[in-house]
Amino acid sequence: MTDKRQDSTTQAERYENKRLRRDIHHAKIRATPQEEDTTANQEQLALLKQGIIVFWNTWRREHPSLRPDLSGARLWGAKLSGANLSQASLREAFLDGADLRKANLSGAQFSFSELEEANLSRARLKGALLIKANLSRANLSQADLSGANLTQASLEETDLSGANLSGASLGGANLMRANLTGAYLYGADLSGADLTQADLSNTKLNEKTLITKVQIGQAKPSTHA
């Protein structure tokens, strides 16, 4: 009986693997070279929702010029750690509580997206567009946000400790009670940003950082950069 159950389980696993290979195969077929700007089909989105990152990343490697359009995707709490979403459009997407640790999000479009309490620790967001994105209470510790556009983004109580924000645009952003301990702000633009009670301990600034004494004075006492 034990052997039969094991055989049954093995057979079920084979069927499941075959189905997943079929899904990724369909995704490949529909992403022809002429479909540079095509919207991601349901099979592609299903791969992300199921957390099947290996197949998703394989598909991305085989179609390096394709820019997936996942605008408005509902990916609440999705397991996307290590996913290659570079240059993808996730405009107005719902990613609250998603796990995006170490994900490649370079050049991705997240404007107006919901990323509240998402985990983006060590994620690569170089040059990403996060205009008016909601990143409240998100974990962006040690993330690479160099050159990212976070204009008017909500970063309230967000963990940005050790993050690289060099050259980032943070104009009008809400950084109330944000943790910027050890963050790099070389050449960053914080014009009009709200730094009320933000932690600026050991934050790295230079002469090109656009920040006023008034803003620095808004930060937690004795934590000024």
C-alpha atoms as a PDB file:
ATOM      1  CA  MET A   1       0.000   0.000   0.000  1.00  0.00           C
ATOM      2  CA  THR A   2       2.814   2.394   0.849  1.00  0.00           C
ATOM      3  CA  ASP A   3       4.462   1.868  -2.557  1.00  0.00           C
ATOM      4  CA  LYS A   4       1.148   2.494  -4.345  1.00  0.00           C
ATOM      5  CA  ARG A   5       0.625   5.751  -2.449  1.00  0.00           C
ATOM      6  CA  GLN A   6       4.153   6.845  -3.282  1.00  0.00           C
ATOM      7  CA  ASP A   7       3.623   5.953  -6.957  1.00  0.00           C
ATOM      8  CA  SER A   8       0.375   7.936  -6.928  1.00  0.00           C
ATOM      9  CA  THR A   9       2.086  10.955  -5.367  1.00  0.00           C
ATOM     10  CA  THR A  10       4.948  10.766  -7.854  1.00  0.00           C
ATOM     11  CA  GLN A  11       2.495  10.567 -10.737  1.00  0.00           C
ATOM     12  CA  ALA A  12       0.574  13.587  -9.414  1.00  0.00           C
ATOM     13  CA  GLU A  13       3.791  15.556  -9.167  1.00  0.00           C
ATOM     14  CA  ARG A  14       4.654  14.616 -12.761  1.00  0.00           C
ATOM     15  CA  TYR A  15       1.252  15.833 -13.964  1.00  0.00           C
ATOM     16  CA  GLU A  16       1.682  19.106 -12.061  1.00  0.00           C
ATOM     17  CA  ASN A  17       5.169  19.685 -13.479  1.00  0.00           C
ATOM     18  CA  LYS A  18       3.872  18.918 -16.959  1.00  0.00           C
ATOM     19  CA  ARG A  19       1.065  21.458 -16.510  1.00  0.00           C
ATOM     20  CA  LEU A  20       3.507  24.130 -15.337  1.00  0.00           C
ATOM     21  CA  ARG A  21       5.798  23.469 -18.296  1.00  0.00           C
ATOM     22  CA  ARG A  22       2.793  23.823 -20.579  1.00  0.00           C
ATOM     23  CA  ASP A  23       1.908  27.167 -18.971  1.00  0.00           C
ATOM     24  CA  ILE A  24       5.367  28.588 -19.482  1.00  0.00           C
ATOM     25  CA  HIS A  25       5.385  27.164 -23.029  1.00  0.00           C
ATOM     26  CA  HIS A  26       2.182  29.035 -23.862  1.00  0.00           C
ATOM     27  CA  ALA A  27       3.641  32.210 -22.389  1.00  0.00           C
ATOM     28  CA  LYS A  28       6.690  31.805 -24.633  1.00  0.00           C
ATOM     29  CA  ILE A  29       4.613  31.263 -27.765  1.00  0.00           C
ATOM     30  CA  ARG A  30       2.544  34.381 -27.235  1.00  0.00           C
ATOM     31  CA  ALA A  31       5.578  36.588 -26.610  1.00  0.00           C
ATOM     32  CA  THR A  32       6.917  36.796 -30.158  1.00  0.00           C
ATOM     33  CA  PRO A  33       9.661  39.295 -31.064  1.00  0.00           C
ATOM     34  CA  GLN A  34       7.002  41.495 -32.683  1.00  0.00           C
ATOM     35  CA  GLU A  35       5.167  41.790 -29.363  1.00  0.00           C
ATOM     36  CA  GLU A  36       7.706  44.035 -27.660  1.00  0.00           C
ATOM     37  CA  ASP A  37       5.016  45.970 -25.788  1.00  0.00           C
ATOM     38  CA  THR A  38       2.375  43.289 -25.375  1.00  0.00           C
ATOM     39  CA  THR A  39       0.456  43.029 -22.116  1.00  0.00           C
ATOM     40  CA  ALA A  40       1.334  40.045 -19.952  1.00  0.00           C
ATOM     41  CA  ASN A  41      -1.137  37.227 -20.549  1.00  0.00           C
ATOM     42  CA  GLN A  42      -2.931  35.272 -17.904  1.00  0.00           C
ATOM     43  CA  GLU A  43      -0.377  32.455 -17.872  1.00  0.00           C
ATOM     44  CA  GLN A  44       2.419  34.917 -17.095  1.00  0.00           C
ATOM     45  CA  LEU A  45       0.464  36.585 -14.319  1.00  0.00           C
ATOM     46  CA  ALA A  46      -0.478  33.167 -12.932  1.00  0.00           C
ATOM     47  CA  LEU A  47       3.204  32.275 -12.634  1.00  0.00           C
ATOM     48  CA  LEU A  48       3.748  35.301 -10.395  1.00  0.00           C
ATOM     49  CA  LYS A  49       0.616  34.753  -8.334  1.00  0.00           C
ATOM     50  CA  GLN A  50       1.669  31.167  -7.671  1.00  0.00           C
ATOM     51  CA  GLY A  51       5.175  32.277  -6.753  1.00  0.00           C
ATOM     52  CA  ILE A  52       6.721  30.203  -9.553  1.00  0.00           C
ATOM     53  CA  ILE A  53       9.679  32.547  -9.879  1.00  0.00           C
ATOM     54  CA  VAL A  54      12.048  30.081 -11.564  1.00  0.00           C
ATOM     55  CA  PHE A  55       9.793  29.715 -14.599  1.00  0.00           C
ATOM     56  CA  TRP A  56       9.040  33.455 -14.681  1.00  0.00           C
ATOM     57  CA  ASN A  57      12.736  34.354 -14.617  1.00  0.00           C
ATOM     58  CA  THR A  58      13.454  31.781 -17.314  1.00  0.00           C
ATOM     59  CA  TRP A  59      10.780  33.344 -19.501  1.00  0.00           C
ATOM     60  CA  ARG A  60      12.317  36.798 -18.921  1.00  0.00           C
ATOM     61  CA  ARG A  61      15.795  35.580 -19.865  1.00  0.00           C
ATOM     62  CA  GLU A  62      14.461  34.117 -23.100  1.00  0.00           C
ATOM     63  CA  HIS A  63      12.697  37.386 -23.963  1.00  0.00           C
ATOM     64  CA  PRO A  64      15.093  40.112 -22.767  1.00  0.00           C
ATOM     65  CA  SER A  65      13.552  42.848 -24.920  1.00  0.00           C
ATOM     66  CA  LEU A  66       9.996  42.241 -23.710  1.00  0.00           C
ATOM     67  CA  ARG A  67       8.622  44.668 -21.144  1.00  0.00           C
ATOM     68  CA  PRO A  68       5.775  42.934 -19.296  1.00  0.00           C
ATOM     69  CA  ASP A  69       2.706  45.063 -18.679  1.00  0.00           C
ATOM     70  CA  LEU A  70       1.269  44.123 -15.291  1.00  0.00           C
ATOM     71  CA  SER A  71      -0.538  47.411 -14.760  1.00  0.00           C
ATOM     72  CA  GLY A  72      -3.295  47.081 -12.183  1.00  0.00           C
ATOM     73  CA  ALA A  73      -2.268  43.513 -11.279  1.00  0.00           C
ATOM     74  CA  ARG A  74      -3.594  42.242  -7.965  1.00  0.00           C
ATOM     75  CA  LEU A  75      -0.599  40.684  -6.250  1.00  0.00           C
ATOM     76  CA  TRP A  76      -1.405  41.184  -2.578  1.00  0.00           C
ATOM     77  CA  GLY A  77       1.036  39.216  -0.442  1.00  0.00           C
ATOM     78  CA  ALA A  78       2.605  37.565  -3.492  1.00  0.00           C
ATOM     79  CA  LYS A  79       5.870  35.649  -3.015  1.00  0.00           C
ATOM     80  CA  LEU A  80       8.124  37.398  -5.521  1.00  0.00           C
ATOM     81  CA  SER A  81      11.490  37.203  -3.826  1.00  0.00           C
ATOM     82  CA  GLY A  82      14.248  37.248  -6.456  1.00  0.00           C
ATOM     83  CA  ALA A  83      11.844  37.874  -9.334  1.00  0.00           C
ATOM     84  CA  ASN A  84      13.100  39.669 -12.432  1.00  0.00           C
ATOM     85  CA  LEU A  85      10.600  42.483 -12.948  1.00  0.00           C
ATOM     86  CA  SER A  86      13.075  44.924 -14.458  1.00  0.00           C
ATOM     87  CA  GLN A  87      11.515  47.381 -16.934  1.00  0.00           C
ATOM     88  CA  ALA A  88       8.059  45.939 -16.194  1.00  0.00           C
ATOM     89  CA  SER A  89       5.008  48.150 -15.836  1.00  0.00           C
ATOM     90  CA  LEU A  90       3.278  47.677 -12.487  1.00  0.00           C
ATOM     91  CA  ARG A  91       1.528  51.019 -12.586  1.00  0.00           C
ATOM     92  CA  GLU A  92      -1.473  51.115 -10.243  1.00  0.00           C
ATOM     93  CA  ALA A  93      -0.742  47.518  -9.167  1.00  0.00           C
ATOM     94  CA  PHE A  94      -1.714  46.132  -5.758  1.00  0.00           C
ATOM     95  CA  LEU A  95       1.350  44.691  -4.015  1.00  0.00           C
ATOM     96  CA  ASP A  96       0.488  45.288  -0.371  1.00  0.00           C
ATOM     97  CA  GLY A  97       2.425  42.883   1.840  1.00  0.00           C
ATOM     98  CA  ALA A  98       4.208  41.305  -1.140  1.00  0.00           C
ATOM     99  CA  ASP A  99       7.602  39.659  -0.662  1.00  0.00           C
ATOM    100  CA  LEU A 100       9.975  41.347  -3.130  1.00  0.00           C
ATOM    101  CA  ARG A 101      13.226  40.730  -1.321  1.00  0.00           C
ATOM    102  CA  LYS A 102      16.250  40.855  -3.653  1.00  0.00           C
ATOM    103  CA  ALA A 103      13.934  41.287  -6.641  1.00  0.00           C
ATOM    104  CA  ASN A 104      15.264  43.010  -9.750  1.00  0.00           C
ATOM    105  CA  LEU A 105      12.955  46.005 -10.192  1.00  0.00           C
ATOM    106  CA  SER A 106      15.395  48.260 -12.041  1.00  0.00           C
ATOM    107  CA  GLY A 107      13.614  50.695 -14.332  1.00  0.00           C
ATOM    108  CA  ALA A 108      10.217  49.281 -13.376  1.00  0.00           C
ATOM    109  CA  GLN A 109       7.110  51.482 -13.338  1.00  0.00           C
ATOM    110  CA  PHE A 110       5.324  51.525  -9.958  1.00  0.00           C
ATOM    111  CA  SER A 111       3.652  54.929 -10.114  1.00  0.00           C
ATOM    112  CA  PHE A 112       0.375  55.091  -8.145  1.00  0.00           C
ATOM    113  CA  SER A 113       0.889  51.490  -6.971  1.00  0.00           C
ATOM    114  CA  GLU A 114       0.044  50.138  -3.526  1.00  0.00           C
ATOM    115  CA  LEU A 115       3.087  48.642  -1.776  1.00  0.00           C
ATOM    116  CA  GLU A 116       2.093  49.163   1.830  1.00  0.00           C
ATOM    117  CA  GLU A 117       4.033  46.865   4.199  1.00  0.00           C
ATOM    118  CA  ALA A 118       5.735  45.158   1.237  1.00  0.00           C
ATOM    119  CA  ASN A 119       9.171  43.638   1.840  1.00  0.00           C
ATOM    120  CA  LEU A 120      11.660  45.100  -0.654  1.00  0.00           C
ATOM    121  CA  SER A 121      14.776  44.539   1.408  1.00  0.00           C
ATOM    122  CA  ARG A 122      17.895  44.469  -0.818  1.00  0.00           C
ATOM    123  CA  ALA A 123      15.735  44.911  -3.910  1.00  0.00           C
ATOM    124  CA  ARG A 124      17.213  46.592  -6.980  1.00  0.00           C
ATOM    125  CA  LEU A 125      15.104  49.632  -7.837  1.00  0.00           C
ATOM    126  CA  LYS A 126      17.678  51.657  -9.729  1.00  0.00           C
ATOM    127  CA  GLY A 127      15.901  54.183 -11.949  1.00  0.00           C
ATOM    128  CA  ALA A 128      12.456  52.867 -10.976  1.00  0.00           C
ATOM    129  CA  LEU A 129       9.406  55.141 -11.234  1.00  0.00           C
ATOM    130  CA  LEU A 130       7.503  55.277  -7.936  1.00  0.00           C
ATOM    131  CA  ILE A 131       5.656  58.562  -8.368  1.00  0.00           C
ATOM    132  CA  LYS A 132       2.854  58.833  -5.798  1.00  0.00           C
ATOM    133  CA  ALA A 133       3.333  55.173  -4.866  1.00  0.00           C
ATOM    134  CA  ASN A 134       2.191  54.079  -1.404  1.00  0.00           C
ATOM    135  CA  LEU A 135       5.190  52.517   0.376  1.00  0.00           C
ATOM    136  CA  SER A 136       4.015  53.201   3.919  1.00  0.00           C
ATOM    137  CA  ARG A 137       5.599  50.826   6.461  1.00  0.00           C
ATOM    138  CA  ALA A 138       7.396  48.963   3.676  1.00  0.00           C
ATOM    139  CA  ASN A 139      10.823  47.414   4.235  1.00  0.00           C
ATOM    140  CA  LEU A 140      13.339  48.990   1.849  1.00  0.00           C
ATOM    141  CA  SER A 141      16.385  48.378   3.989  1.00  0.00           C
ATOM    142  CA  GLN A 142      19.586  48.189   1.924  1.00  0.00           C
ATOM    143  CA  ALA A 143      17.601  48.545  -1.290  1.00  0.00           C
ATOM    144  CA  ASP A 144      19.192  50.214  -4.318  1.00  0.00           C
ATOM    145  CA  LEU A 145      16.979  53.199  -5.138  1.00  0.00           C
ATOM    146  CA  SER A 146      19.671  55.220  -6.884  1.00  0.00           C
ATOM    147  CA  GLY A 147      18.164  57.490  -9.503  1.00  0.00           C
ATOM    148  CA  ALA A 148      14.632  56.375  -8.613  1.00  0.00           C
ATOM    149  CA  ASN A 149      11.723  58.802  -8.898  1.00  0.00           C
ATOM    150  CA  LEU A 150       9.782  58.858  -5.610  1.00  0.00           C
ATOM    151  CA  THR A 151       8.126  62.225  -6.150  1.00  0.00           C
ATOM    152  CA  GLN A 152       5.170  62.627  -3.767  1.00  0.00           C
ATOM    153  CA  ALA A 153       5.480  58.994  -2.701  1.00  0.00           C
ATOM    154  CA  SER A 154       4.179  57.928   0.713  1.00  0.00           C
ATOM    155  CA  LEU A 155       7.095  56.595   2.763  1.00  0.00           C
ATOM    156  CA  GLU A 156       5.580  57.088   6.188  1.00  0.00           C
ATOM    157  CA  GLU A 157       7.219  54.816   8.799  1.00  0.00           C
ATOM    158  CA  THR A 158       9.114  53.094   5.983  1.00  0.00           C
ATOM    159  CA  ASP A 159      12.400  51.330   6.728  1.00  0.00           C
ATOM    160  CA  LEU A 160      15.043  52.847   4.446  1.00  0.00           C
ATOM    161  CA  SER A 161      17.994  51.990   6.640  1.00  0.00           C
ATOM    162  CA  GLY A 162      21.150  51.512   4.615  1.00  0.00           C
ATOM    163  CA  ALA A 163      19.292  52.183   1.362  1.00  0.00           C
ATOM    164  CA  ASN A 164      21.043  53.814  -1.580  1.00  0.00           C
ATOM    165  CA  LEU A 165      18.993  56.878  -2.542  1.00  0.00           C
ATOM    166  CA  SER A 166      21.799  58.650  -4.380  1.00  0.00           C
ATOM    167  CA  GLY A 167      20.381  60.856  -7.116  1.00  0.00           C
ATOM    168  CA  ALA A 168      16.823  59.886  -6.204  1.00  0.00           C
ATOM    169  CA  SER A 169      13.929  62.334  -6.578  1.00  0.00           C
ATOM    170  CA  LEU A 170      11.993  62.613  -3.301  1.00  0.00           C
ATOM    171  CA  GLY A 171      10.328  65.957  -3.908  1.00  0.00           C
ATOM    172  CA  GLY A 172       7.153  66.305  -1.860  1.00  0.00           C
ATOM    173  CA  ALA A 173       7.494  62.771  -0.475  1.00  0.00           C
ATOM    174  CA  ASN A 174       6.024  61.883   2.915  1.00  0.00           C
ATOM    175  CA  LEU A 175       8.905  60.573   5.046  1.00  0.00           C
ATOM    176  CA  MET A 176       7.264  61.074   8.420  1.00  0.00           C
ATOM    177  CA  ARG A 177       8.830  58.737  11.008  1.00  0.00           C
ATOM    178  CA  ALA A 178      10.802  56.982   8.265  1.00  0.00           C
ATOM    179  CA  ASN A 179      13.981  55.153   9.233  1.00  0.00           C
ATOM    180  CA  LEU A 180      16.830  56.596   7.143  1.00  0.00           C
ATOM    181  CA  THR A 181      19.610  55.347   9.384  1.00  0.00           C
ATOM    182  CA  GLY A 182      22.791  55.010   7.349  1.00  0.00           C
ATOM    183  CA  ALA A 183      20.996  55.773   4.085  1.00  0.00           C
ATOM    184  CA  TYR A 184      22.913  57.332   1.188  1.00  0.00           C
ATOM    185  CA  LEU A 185      21.356  60.568  -0.027  1.00  0.00           C
ATOM    186  CA  TYR A 186      24.188  61.863  -2.183  1.00  0.00           C
ATOM    187  CA  GLY A 187      22.700  64.192  -4.771  1.00  0.00           C
ATOM    188  CA  ALA A 188      19.140  63.290  -3.758  1.00  0.00           C
ATOM    189  CA  ASP A 189      16.369  65.873  -4.195  1.00  0.00           C
ATOM    190  CA  LEU A 190      14.256  66.191  -1.030  1.00  0.00           C
ATOM    191  CA  SER A 191      12.636  69.501  -1.976  1.00  0.00           C
ATOM    192  CA  GLY A 192       9.408  69.854  -0.018  1.00  0.00           C
ATOM    193  CA  ALA A 193       9.680  66.380   1.541  1.00  0.00           C
ATOM    194  CA  ASP A 194       8.192  65.937   5.020  1.00  0.00           C
ATOM    195  CA  LEU A 195      10.855  64.572   7.385  1.00  0.00           C
ATOM    196  CA  THR A 196       8.886  65.012  10.596  1.00  0.00           C
ATOM    197  CA  GLN A 197      10.317  62.645  13.240  1.00  0.00           C
ATOM    198  CA  ALA A 198      12.384  60.799  10.619  1.00  0.00           C
ATOM    199  CA  ASP A 199      15.526  59.054  11.855  1.00  0.00           C
ATOM    200  CA  LEU A 200      18.547  60.551  10.075  1.00  0.00           C
ATOM    201  CA  SER A 201      21.221  58.876  12.177  1.00  0.00           C
ATOM    202  CA  ASN A 202      24.418  58.452  10.136  1.00  0.00           C
ATOM    203  CA  THR A 203      22.617  59.454   6.953  1.00  0.00           C
ATOM    204  CA  LYS A 204      25.073  60.320   4.185  1.00  0.00           C
ATOM    205  CA  LEU A 205      24.585  63.740   2.535  1.00  0.00           C
ATOM    206  CA  ASN A 206      26.797  65.846   0.268  1.00  0.00           C
ATOM    207  CA  GLU A 207      26.802  69.320  -1.253  1.00  0.00           C
ATOM    208  CA  LYS A 208      24.492  68.148  -4.053  1.00  0.00           C
ATOM    209  CA  THR A 209      21.818  66.876  -1.672  1.00  0.00           C
ATOM    210  CA  LEU A 210      18.812  69.199  -1.885  1.00  0.00           C
ATOM    211  CA  ILE A 211      17.629  69.448   1.713  1.00  0.00           C
ATOM    212  CA  THR A 212      17.072  72.465   3.975  1.00  0.00           C
ATOM    213  CA  LYS A 213      18.024  73.080   7.574  1.00  0.00           C
ATOM    214  CA  VAL A 214      14.325  73.351   8.348  1.00  0.00           C
ATOM    215  CA  GLN A 215      13.741  69.838   7.019  1.00  0.00           C
ATOM    216  CA  ILE A 216      16.677  68.483   8.990  1.00  0.00           C
ATOM    217  CA  GLY A 217      15.260  70.194  12.061  1.00  0.00           C
ATOM    218  CA  GLN A 218      12.017  68.244  11.587  1.00  0.00           C
ATOM    219  CA  ALA A 219      13.834  64.963  12.176  1.00  0.00           C
ATOM    220  CA  LYS A 220      14.078  63.182  15.501  1.00  0.00           C
ATOM    221  CA  PRO A 221      16.220  65.127  17.997  1.00  0.00           C
ATOM    222  CA  SER A 222      19.853  63.999  18.140  1.00  0.00           C
ATOM    223  CA  THR A 223      19.533  61.932  14.947  1.00  0.00           C
ATOM    224  CA  HIS A 224      20.400  64.667  12.466  1.00  0.00           C
ATOM    225  CA  ALA A 225      22.699  63.714   9.617  1.00  0.00           C
END
